[in-house]
Amino acid sequence: MTIDAGDLLGSILASLDRIKYIEPEDIPGIDLYMDQVTSFMDRRLKSTSRYPGEDRTLTKTMINNYAKNDLIPPPVKKKYSKEHILLLLFIYYFKGILSIGDIQALLSPITSRYFQSGEDFDLESIYREVIRMEKAQFESMKEDVIRKYRESEETFQDAPEDGRDFLQKFAFICMLSYDVYVKKLMIEKMIDEMAKQNATAKKESKKEPKDSKKEPKDPKSEQNPSA
């Protein structure tokens, strides 16, 4: 039995093709109550769930915890805006690999500057650019999965035949896991550096310029009194 029994690779690639991006235009243009938000997220992200019939993409408890931990601003009159949903989408993709603290550190500068900023370049602009970039690299990601899969097919050639298929799949999973592990370390390192820079910037902004503490000089006092 080989690793591609049952067309494993084809099944994996098909699951990747089922990943659908939520475009800003897909999000309702009106503010939503919490039940409407959870229903929208479940409906649009159901295809990416491991157990679509059982898993909840987003729950009321999750949303309350995100607001409590300052991952999203509080709702206005119990309603969530389009920008709230954009932040929830970022959190949805981050939460599988990052801690709540890391997500908060990553999103806090975004939220404080761009959430309902009233400027042309806003949170929606950031979201659009991110998904554009992700779509552009999607095919190369699939090619990398195929390459890892083919490499795993060549492993454990000397293993007993009755266990070779499992070991090859194990090797494939290990390669995918190591890739995630290394990238997670890189992400955490970047978040730590960004947090330090943000903290330093806040300290500097609180410092008053030295000149501002000096009393303005009276031009008359500098004149020669004997003149």
Protein backbone atom coordinates (compact mmCIF):
# COMPACT_ATOMS: atom_id res chain seq x y z
CA MET A 1 0.00 0.00 0.00
CA THR A 2 1.39 3.42 -0.93
CA ILE A 3 0.85 6.81 0.62
CA ASP A 4 -1.43 7.92 -2.18
CA ALA A 5 -3.98 5.18 -1.51
CA GLY A 6 -7.38 6.81 -1.72
CA ASP A 7 -5.84 9.78 -3.48
CA LEU A 8 -4.70 11.47 -0.27
CA LEU A 9 -2.90 14.26 -2.11
CA GLY A 10 -5.93 15.01 -4.27
CA SER A 11 -8.09 15.17 -1.17
CA ILE A 12 -5.69 17.58 0.56
CA LEU A 13 -5.49 19.88 -2.46
CA ALA A 14 -9.26 19.80 -2.79
CA SER A 15 -9.59 20.89 0.83
CA LEU A 16 -7.25 23.81 0.14
CA ASP A 17 -9.40 24.83 -2.81
CA ARG A 18 -12.41 24.96 -0.50
CA ILE A 19 -10.84 27.79 1.46
CA LYS A 20 -12.91 30.82 0.59
CA TYR A 21 -11.92 34.35 1.45
CA ILE A 22 -14.55 36.64 2.85
CA GLU A 23 -14.41 39.77 0.73
CA PRO A 24 -15.27 43.11 2.35
CA GLU A 25 -18.27 43.27 0.00
CA ASP A 26 -19.57 40.03 1.52
CA ILE A 27 -19.91 41.64 4.95
CA PRO A 28 -23.26 43.33 5.62
CA GLY A 29 -23.11 47.09 5.40
CA ILE A 30 -25.18 47.51 8.56
CA ASP A 31 -24.23 46.93 12.19
CA LEU A 32 -25.14 43.49 13.50
CA TYR A 33 -26.21 42.05 16.82
CA MET A 34 -24.05 39.27 18.27
CA ASP A 35 -26.33 36.44 17.06
CA GLN A 36 -26.17 37.85 13.55
CA VAL A 37 -22.37 38.05 13.73
CA THR A 38 -21.96 34.43 14.85
CA SER A 39 -24.42 33.22 12.19
CA PHE A 40 -22.58 35.14 9.47
CA MET A 41 -19.18 33.76 10.51
CA ASP A 42 -20.46 30.18 10.80
CA ARG A 43 -22.08 30.36 7.40
CA ARG A 44 -19.10 31.86 5.59
CA LEU A 45 -16.32 29.86 7.29
CA LYS A 46 -18.07 26.52 7.63
CA SER A 47 -16.09 24.97 4.79
CA THR A 48 -12.82 25.45 6.68
CA SER A 49 -14.04 23.75 9.88
CA ARG A 50 -12.66 20.33 10.74
CA TYR A 51 -16.13 19.10 11.70
CA PRO A 52 -18.53 21.42 9.83
CA GLY A 53 -21.63 19.93 11.41
CA GLU A 54 -20.32 20.22 14.96
CA ASP A 55 -17.73 22.98 15.24
CA ARG A 56 -18.79 26.56 15.90
CA THR A 57 -16.61 29.07 14.13
CA LEU A 58 -17.42 31.78 16.63
CA THR A 59 -19.46 31.84 19.85
CA LYS A 60 -20.84 34.57 22.09
CA THR A 61 -18.33 33.58 24.77
CA MET A 62 -15.45 33.98 22.32
CA ILE A 63 -16.60 37.45 21.26
CA ASN A 64 -17.03 38.55 24.88
CA ASN A 65 -13.54 37.26 25.71
CA TYR A 66 -12.04 39.08 22.73
CA ALA A 67 -13.60 42.35 23.87
CA LYS A 68 -12.53 41.69 27.49
CA ASN A 69 -8.93 41.13 26.36
CA ASP A 70 -8.96 44.24 24.12
CA LEU A 71 -8.69 42.28 20.90
CA ILE A 72 -11.72 44.16 19.58
CA PRO A 73 -13.34 47.43 20.67
CA PRO A 74 -16.63 47.07 22.56
CA PRO A 75 -19.83 47.07 20.50
CA VAL A 76 -21.93 50.21 20.22
CA LYS A 77 -25.42 49.67 21.64
CA LYS A 78 -24.79 45.90 21.47
CA LYS A 79 -24.12 46.10 17.73
CA TYR A 80 -20.95 45.21 15.83
CA SER A 81 -19.77 47.13 12.79
CA LYS A 82 -18.17 45.89 9.60
CA GLU A 83 -14.78 46.71 11.07
CA HIS A 84 -15.55 44.57 14.11
CA ILE A 85 -16.10 41.65 11.75
CA LEU A 86 -12.84 42.35 9.91
CA LEU A 87 -10.99 42.15 13.24
CA LEU A 88 -12.82 38.93 14.11
CA LEU A 89 -11.66 37.46 10.80
CA PHE A 90 -8.04 38.31 11.60
CA ILE A 91 -8.48 36.72 15.04
CA TYR A 92 -10.03 33.61 13.49
CA TYR A 93 -6.94 32.98 11.36
CA PHE A 94 -4.46 33.89 14.11
CA LYS A 95 -5.95 31.92 16.98
CA GLY A 96 -4.88 28.54 15.64
CA ILE A 97 -1.19 29.36 16.12
CA LEU A 98 -0.93 32.41 18.39
CA SER A 99 -1.79 33.10 22.01
CA ILE A 100 -4.39 35.68 23.00
CA GLY A 101 -1.58 37.90 24.26
CA ASP A 102 0.26 37.74 20.94
CA ILE A 103 -2.90 38.49 18.99
CA GLN A 104 -3.60 41.46 21.26
CA ALA A 105 -0.07 42.78 20.77
CA LEU A 106 -0.39 42.37 17.01
CA LEU A 107 -3.83 43.93 16.60
CA SER A 108 -3.64 46.70 19.19
CA PRO A 109 -1.64 49.12 16.97
CA ILE A 110 -3.94 48.33 14.05
CA THR A 111 -7.08 48.94 16.08
CA SER A 112 -5.86 52.11 17.80
CA ARG A 113 -4.91 53.78 14.53
CA TYR A 114 -7.21 52.40 11.85
CA PHE A 115 -10.44 51.24 13.53
CA GLN A 116 -13.16 53.67 12.41
CA SER A 117 -10.45 56.20 11.63
CA GLY A 118 -12.60 58.11 9.17
CA GLU A 119 -9.66 58.25 6.76
CA ASP A 120 -9.37 56.81 3.25
CA PHE A 121 -6.75 54.30 4.43
CA ASP A 122 -8.59 52.33 7.09
CA LEU A 123 -9.00 48.83 8.48
CA GLU A 124 -10.79 47.67 5.34
CA SER A 125 -7.84 48.86 3.23
CA ILE A 126 -5.50 46.74 5.36
CA TYR A 127 -7.75 43.69 5.08
CA ARG A 128 -7.98 44.04 1.31
CA GLU A 129 -4.22 44.23 0.93
CA VAL A 130 -3.65 41.21 3.16
CA ILE A 131 -6.07 38.93 1.30
CA ARG A 132 -4.66 40.15 -2.05
CA MET A 133 -1.20 39.08 -0.91
CA GLU A 134 -2.46 35.76 0.43
CA LYS A 135 -4.28 34.93 -2.79
CA ALA A 136 -1.11 35.69 -4.77
CA GLN A 137 0.89 33.07 -2.90
CA PHE A 138 -1.81 30.40 -2.78
CA GLU A 139 -0.56 28.46 -5.80
CA SER A 140 3.02 28.44 -4.52
CA MET A 141 1.72 27.08 -1.20
CA LYS A 142 0.01 24.24 -3.03
CA GLU A 143 3.21 23.50 -4.95
CA ASP A 144 5.11 23.33 -1.65
CA VAL A 145 2.58 20.83 -0.27
CA ILE A 146 2.94 18.69 -3.39
CA ARG A 147 6.75 18.79 -3.10
CA LYS A 148 6.67 17.70 0.54
CA TYR A 149 4.22 14.97 -0.33
CA ARG A 150 6.44 13.61 -3.11
CA GLU A 151 9.47 13.67 -0.82
CA SER A 152 7.60 11.72 1.83
CA GLU A 153 6.79 9.06 -0.77
CA GLU A 154 10.53 8.36 -1.04
CA THR A 155 11.06 7.87 2.70
CA PHE A 156 11.27 4.60 4.67
CA GLN A 157 11.98 2.48 1.62
CA ASP A 158 13.70 -0.09 3.86
CA ALA A 159 10.85 -0.30 6.38
CA PRO A 160 8.59 -3.39 6.50
CA GLU A 161 6.00 -3.12 3.79
CA ASP A 162 3.06 -3.49 6.15
CA GLY A 163 4.11 -0.33 8.04
CA ARG A 164 5.61 1.71 5.23
CA ASP A 165 2.41 3.54 4.28
CA PHE A 166 1.87 4.81 7.84
CA LEU A 167 5.51 5.89 8.19
CA GLN A 168 5.38 7.79 4.91
CA LYS A 169 2.26 9.63 6.02
CA PHE A 170 3.96 10.27 9.35
CA ALA A 171 6.93 11.77 7.50
CA PHE A 172 4.60 13.99 5.47
CA ILE A 173 2.88 15.25 8.63
CA CYS A 174 6.26 15.86 10.26
CA MET A 175 7.41 18.02 7.36
CA LEU A 176 4.21 20.06 7.43
CA SER A 177 4.40 20.39 11.22
CA TYR A 178 8.03 21.48 11.18
CA ASP A 179 7.18 24.14 8.63
CA VAL A 180 4.44 25.47 10.92
CA TYR A 181 6.74 25.24 13.96
CA VAL A 182 9.52 27.28 12.35
CA LYS A 183 7.14 29.90 10.99
CA LYS A 184 5.45 30.16 14.40
CA LEU A 185 8.84 30.90 15.99
CA MET A 186 9.46 33.58 13.36
CA ILE A 187 6.05 35.15 13.96
CA GLU A 188 6.54 35.19 17.74
CA LYS A 189 9.96 36.78 17.34
CA MET A 190 8.53 39.50 15.13
CA ILE A 191 5.64 40.17 17.53
CA ASP A 192 8.09 40.50 20.44
CA GLU A 193 10.18 43.01 18.48
CA MET A 194 7.09 44.95 17.40
CA ALA A 195 5.85 45.05 21.01
CA LYS A 196 9.21 46.46 22.17
CA GLN A 197 9.16 49.12 19.47
CA ASN A 198 5.59 50.05 20.34
CA ALA A 199 6.43 50.32 24.04
CA THR A 200 9.46 52.48 23.27
CA ALA A 201 7.41 54.74 21.02
CA LYS A 202 4.80 55.22 23.76
CA LYS A 203 7.50 56.15 26.29
CA GLU A 204 9.03 58.65 23.89
CA SER A 205 5.65 60.22 23.16
CA LYS A 206 5.08 60.83 26.88
CA LYS A 207 8.37 62.67 27.29
CA GLU A 208 8.12 66.43 26.96
CA PRO A 209 10.80 68.18 24.91
CA LYS A 210 13.44 69.65 27.22
CA ASP A 211 13.02 73.13 25.74
CA SER A 212 9.32 73.15 26.61
CA LYS A 213 10.15 73.18 30.33
CA LYS A 214 12.29 76.32 30.12
CA GLU A 215 10.78 79.69 30.91
CA PRO A 216 10.76 82.00 27.91
CA LYS A 217 13.37 84.69 28.15
CA ASP A 218 12.31 88.32 28.53
CA PRO A 219 14.13 90.34 25.89
CA LYS A 220 14.23 93.36 28.24
CA SER A 221 16.12 91.39 30.88
CA GLU A 222 18.95 90.83 28.41
CA GLN A 223 19.45 94.55 27.84
CA ASN A 224 22.34 96.30 29.61
CA PRO A 225 20.76 98.16 32.53
CA SER A 226 23.52 100.82 32.39
CA ALA A 227 22.76 101.66 28.78
